[in-house]
C-alpha atoms as a PDB file:
ATOM      1  CA  MET A   1     104.970  80.279 128.937  1.00  0.00           C
ATOM      2  CA  LYS A   2     102.278  79.307 126.428  1.00  0.00           C
ATOM      3  CA  ASN A   3     102.169  82.896 125.061  1.00  0.00           C
ATOM      4  CA  HIS A   4     105.947  82.898 124.619  1.00  0.00           C
ATOM      5  CA  LEU A   5     105.836  79.643 122.632  1.00  0.00           C
ATOM      6  CA  THR A   6     103.015  80.932 120.448  1.00  0.00           C
ATOM      7  CA  LEU A   7     104.930  84.146 119.768  1.00  0.00           C
ATOM      8  CA  PHE A   8     108.124  82.210 119.019  1.00  0.00           C
ATOM      9  CA  PHE A   9     106.422  79.872 116.531  1.00  0.00           C
ATOM     10  CA  THR A  10     104.554  82.749 114.876  1.00  0.00           C
ATOM     11  CA  LEU A  11     107.731  84.775 114.393  1.00  0.00           C
ATOM     12  CA  SER A  12     109.613  81.715 113.143  1.00  0.00           C
ATOM     13  CA  LEU A  13     106.901  80.999 110.584  1.00  0.00           C
ATOM     14  CA  LEU A  14     106.936  84.612 109.364  1.00  0.00           C
ATOM     15  CA  LEU A  15     110.711  84.542 108.953  1.00  0.00           C
ATOM     16  CA  ILE A  16     110.599  81.295 106.999  1.00  0.00           C
ATOM     17  CA  MET A  17     107.765  82.500 104.744  1.00  0.00           C
ATOM     18  CA  GLY A  18     109.510  85.842 104.181  1.00  0.00           C
ATOM     19  CA  ASN A  19     112.524  84.055 102.709  1.00  0.00           C
ATOM     20  CA  LEU A  20     110.331  82.167 100.240  1.00  0.00           C
ATOM     21  CA  VAL A  21     108.745  85.291  98.732  1.00  0.00           C
ATOM     22  CA  GLU A  22     109.728  86.266  95.228  1.00  0.00           C
ATOM     23  CA  ALA A  23     109.082  89.522  93.479  1.00  0.00           C
ATOM     24  CA  GLN A  24     107.923  89.512  89.900  1.00  0.00           C
ATOM     25  CA  VAL A  25     108.627  92.396  87.583  1.00  0.00           C
ATOM     26  CA  SER A  26     107.061  92.799  84.167  1.00  0.00           C
ATOM     27  CA  GLY A  27     106.890  95.550  81.637  1.00  0.00           C
ATOM     28  CA  THR A  28     107.230  96.707  78.068  1.00  0.00           C
ATOM     29  CA  VAL A  29     110.328  98.195  76.467  1.00  0.00           C
ATOM     30  CA  THR A  30     109.683 100.748  73.730  1.00  0.00           C
ATOM     31  CA  ASP A  31     111.761 103.021  71.530  1.00  0.00           C
ATOM     32  CA  ARG A  32     111.859 106.492  73.055  1.00  0.00           C
ATOM     33  CA  GLN A  33     111.388 108.293  69.728  1.00  0.00           C
ATOM     34  CA  THR A  34     108.897 106.080  67.885  1.00  0.00           C
ATOM     35  CA  ASN A  35     107.189 104.416  70.883  1.00  0.00           C
ATOM     36  CA  GLU A  36     107.433 101.099  68.999  1.00  0.00           C
ATOM     37  CA  PRO A  37     108.066  97.939  71.069  1.00  0.00           C
ATOM     38  CA  LEU A  38     111.690  96.734  71.100  1.00  0.00           C
ATOM     39  CA  ILE A  39     112.081  93.043  70.273  1.00  0.00           C
ATOM     40  CA  GLY A  40     114.949  91.219  71.991  1.00  0.00           C
ATOM     41  CA  ALA A  41     115.908  93.991  74.438  1.00  0.00           C
ATOM     42  CA  SER A  42     117.663  92.812  77.625  1.00  0.00           C
ATOM     43  CA  ALA A  43     116.134  93.221  81.081  1.00  0.00           C
ATOM     44  CA  VAL A  44     118.518  92.352  83.944  1.00  0.00           C
ATOM     45  CA  VAL A  45     118.291  92.532  87.755  1.00  0.00           C
ATOM     46  CA  LYS A  46     120.967  95.072  88.673  1.00  0.00           C
ATOM     47  CA  GLY A  47     124.007  93.499  90.323  1.00  0.00           C
ATOM     48  CA  THR A  48     123.129  89.949  89.202  1.00  0.00           C
ATOM     49  CA  THR A  49     123.280  87.750  86.129  1.00  0.00           C
ATOM     50  CA  ARG A  50     119.517  87.121  86.279  1.00  0.00           C
ATOM     51  CA  GLY A  51     117.790  88.473  83.213  1.00  0.00           C
ATOM     52  CA  THR A  52     115.523  87.936  80.244  1.00  0.00           C
ATOM     53  CA  ILE A  53     114.746  89.429  76.834  1.00  0.00           C
ATOM     54  CA  THR A  54     111.625  91.066  75.469  1.00  0.00           C
ATOM     55  CA  ASP A  55     109.184  89.193  73.234  1.00  0.00           C
ATOM     56  CA  LEU A  56     107.700  90.246  69.872  1.00  0.00           C
ATOM     57  CA  ASP A  57     105.539  92.859  71.637  1.00  0.00           C
ATOM     58  CA  GLY A  58     108.457  94.290  73.657  1.00  0.00           C
ATOM     59  CA  LYS A  59     107.110  92.668  76.853  1.00  0.00           C
ATOM     60  CA  PHE A  60     109.109  90.838  79.525  1.00  0.00           C
ATOM     61  CA  GLN A  61     108.592  89.061  82.859  1.00  0.00           C
ATOM     62  CA  LEU A  62     111.328  88.514  85.374  1.00  0.00           C
ATOM     63  CA  ALA A  63     111.219  86.873  88.805  1.00  0.00           C
ATOM     64  CA  ALA A  64     113.726  88.278  91.274  1.00  0.00           C
ATOM     65  CA  GLU A  65     114.457  86.413  94.488  1.00  0.00           C
ATOM     66  CA  LYS A  66     114.115  88.410  97.668  1.00  0.00           C
ATOM     67  CA  GLY A  67     117.362  90.088  98.571  1.00  0.00           C
ATOM     68  CA  GLU A  68     118.531  90.588  94.996  1.00  0.00           C
END
């Protein structure tokens, strides 16, 4: 019985922690022809309204919740 309770609580904890995990995506957007960074380009998580724009160096960071 003790092993079953330990297994149950371990699995429950893993499920709860798994739902709290977020993925972070970052990158740089550049012009295909000139390879210059693009300022103010949009980066959006497909199928959502979550997004951001690139900075002066063409860089962006975007946190996407698990399941998106």
